[in-house]
């Protein structure tokens, strides 16, 4: 007599696996999105702190984000996790232009966060 699984047993096992995956996969992708958002908030905080430190040391804002790297306020320009690039940051200049070029920085992503706010407004 041959031993093995019947088609019905295999279908039941596959249905159970599919049900478990349908519960686990959305949670996984949600946690990845939350981690990217936390990384973006941290990178923005880090760059804004470096901009403030530059202003406190020199009395003017940096000319570019790369200037923060060359003057050792940052090791490198952080990656924007929403866009996946380092060159998509949106730089805001101070009101009096003679004070420099980089007053604030925000994400260049056109998408929104899980809470519905645009990344560019953070």
Protein backbone atom coordinates (compact mmCIF):
# COMPACT_ATOMS: atom_id res chain seq x y z
CA UNK A 1 0.00 0.00 0.00
CA UNK A 2 1.38 3.49 -0.96
CA UNK A 3 1.64 6.09 1.74
CA UNK A 4 1.32 9.77 0.97
CA UNK A 5 -0.91 12.78 1.16
CA UNK A 6 -4.24 13.02 -0.56
CA UNK A 7 -5.14 15.98 -2.68
CA UNK A 8 -7.62 17.14 -0.05
CA UNK A 9 -4.95 17.14 2.68
CA UNK A 10 -2.60 19.16 0.49
CA UNK A 11 -5.34 21.68 -0.29
CA UNK A 12 -6.15 22.10 3.41
CA UNK A 13 -2.49 22.70 4.26
CA UNK A 14 -2.14 25.21 1.40
CA UNK A 15 -5.29 27.02 2.55
CA UNK A 16 -3.89 27.30 6.08
CA UNK A 17 -0.57 28.63 4.78
CA UNK A 18 -2.35 31.15 2.53
CA UNK A 19 -4.45 32.37 5.47
CA UNK A 20 -1.37 32.83 7.65
CA UNK A 21 0.44 34.70 4.88
CA UNK A 22 -2.53 36.98 4.29
CA UNK A 23 -2.29 38.00 7.95
CA UNK A 24 1.49 38.34 8.15
CA UNK A 25 2.42 40.08 4.89
CA UNK A 26 0.42 43.32 5.41
CA UNK A 27 1.88 43.69 8.89
CA UNK A 28 5.38 43.25 7.49
CA UNK A 29 4.99 45.93 4.82
CA UNK A 30 3.38 48.27 7.35
CA UNK A 31 6.33 47.88 9.68
CA UNK A 32 8.74 48.59 6.82
CA UNK A 33 6.84 51.80 6.02
CA UNK A 34 6.90 52.89 9.68
CA UNK A 35 10.65 52.21 9.85
CA UNK A 36 11.27 54.33 6.73
CA UNK A 37 9.23 57.16 8.22
CA UNK A 38 11.18 56.98 11.49
CA UNK A 39 14.44 57.06 9.52
CA UNK A 40 13.26 60.09 7.57
CA UNK A 41 12.35 61.94 10.78
CA UNK A 42 15.74 61.09 12.28
CA UNK A 43 17.63 62.21 9.16
CA UNK A 44 15.72 65.50 9.06
CA UNK A 45 16.45 66.09 12.75
CA UNK A 46 20.14 65.30 12.24
CA UNK A 47 20.50 67.70 9.30
CA UNK A 48 18.57 70.49 11.02
CA UNK A 49 20.78 70.13 14.06
CA UNK A 50 23.90 70.33 11.87
CA UNK A 51 22.51 73.45 10.16
CA UNK A 52 21.90 75.07 13.55
CA UNK A 53 25.40 74.14 14.75
CA UNK A 54 26.89 75.66 11.59
CA UNK A 55 24.95 78.88 12.17
CA UNK A 56 26.07 79.01 15.82
CA UNK A 57 29.72 78.55 14.82
CA UNK A 58 29.87 80.83 11.76
CA UNK A 59 27.01 83.32 12.18
CA UNK A 60 25.57 82.28 8.82
CA UNK A 61 23.89 79.27 7.29
CA UNK A 62 25.79 76.85 5.03
CA UNK A 63 25.87 77.35 1.28
CA UNK A 64 24.79 73.76 0.58
CA UNK A 65 24.26 70.41 2.25
CA UNK A 66 27.64 69.33 0.87
CA UNK A 67 29.22 72.21 2.79
CA UNK A 68 28.03 70.56 6.00
CA UNK A 69 29.93 67.45 4.94
CA UNK A 70 33.14 69.24 3.93
CA UNK A 71 33.14 71.22 7.19
CA UNK A 72 32.58 67.99 9.17
CA UNK A 73 29.15 68.78 10.58
CA UNK A 74 27.90 65.62 8.85
CA UNK A 75 29.80 62.53 7.70
CA UNK A 76 27.71 62.41 4.55
CA UNK A 77 24.41 63.75 3.28
CA UNK A 78 21.85 61.27 4.59
CA UNK A 79 19.67 59.20 2.31
CA UNK A 80 16.07 60.30 1.95
CA UNK A 81 14.29 56.98 2.57
CA UNK A 82 11.10 58.24 0.93
CA UNK A 83 12.87 58.81 -2.39
CA UNK A 84 15.86 56.50 -2.02
CA UNK A 85 18.36 59.21 -2.98
CA UNK A 86 20.61 61.79 -1.33
CA UNK A 87 20.06 64.53 -3.90
CA UNK A 88 16.28 64.98 -3.58
CA UNK A 89 16.29 67.06 -0.41
CA UNK A 90 14.45 70.36 -0.74
CA UNK A 91 16.50 73.22 0.68
CA UNK A 92 14.89 76.39 2.02
CA UNK A 93 16.99 79.55 2.06
CA UNK A 94 16.82 82.07 4.94
CA UNK A 95 14.82 85.27 4.49
CA UNK A 96 17.89 87.53 4.22
CA UNK A 97 19.89 85.82 1.45
CA UNK A 98 23.21 87.17 2.72
CA UNK A 99 22.98 84.75 5.67
CA UNK A 100 23.59 81.69 3.45
CA UNK A 101 21.58 79.23 1.38
CA UNK A 102 20.41 76.42 3.67
CA UNK A 103 18.04 77.51 6.43
CA UNK A 104 15.89 74.38 6.48
CA UNK A 105 15.59 71.07 4.66
CA UNK A 106 12.66 68.79 3.82
CA UNK A 107 12.04 65.63 1.86
CA UNK A 108 11.60 65.81 -1.90
CA UNK A 109 9.12 62.94 -1.89
CA UNK A 110 5.71 63.59 -3.40
CA UNK A 111 4.08 60.76 -1.44
CA UNK A 112 2.34 60.84 1.92
CA UNK A 113 3.03 59.18 5.24
CA UNK A 114 0.84 56.63 6.99
CA UNK A 115 -0.84 59.46 8.93
CA UNK A 116 -1.80 61.22 5.67
CA UNK A 117 0.66 64.12 5.85
CA UNK A 118 2.94 64.87 2.92
CA UNK A 119 6.60 64.02 3.48
CA UNK A 120 7.55 67.43 2.08
CA UNK A 121 5.83 69.16 5.05
CA UNK A 122 7.91 67.44 7.72
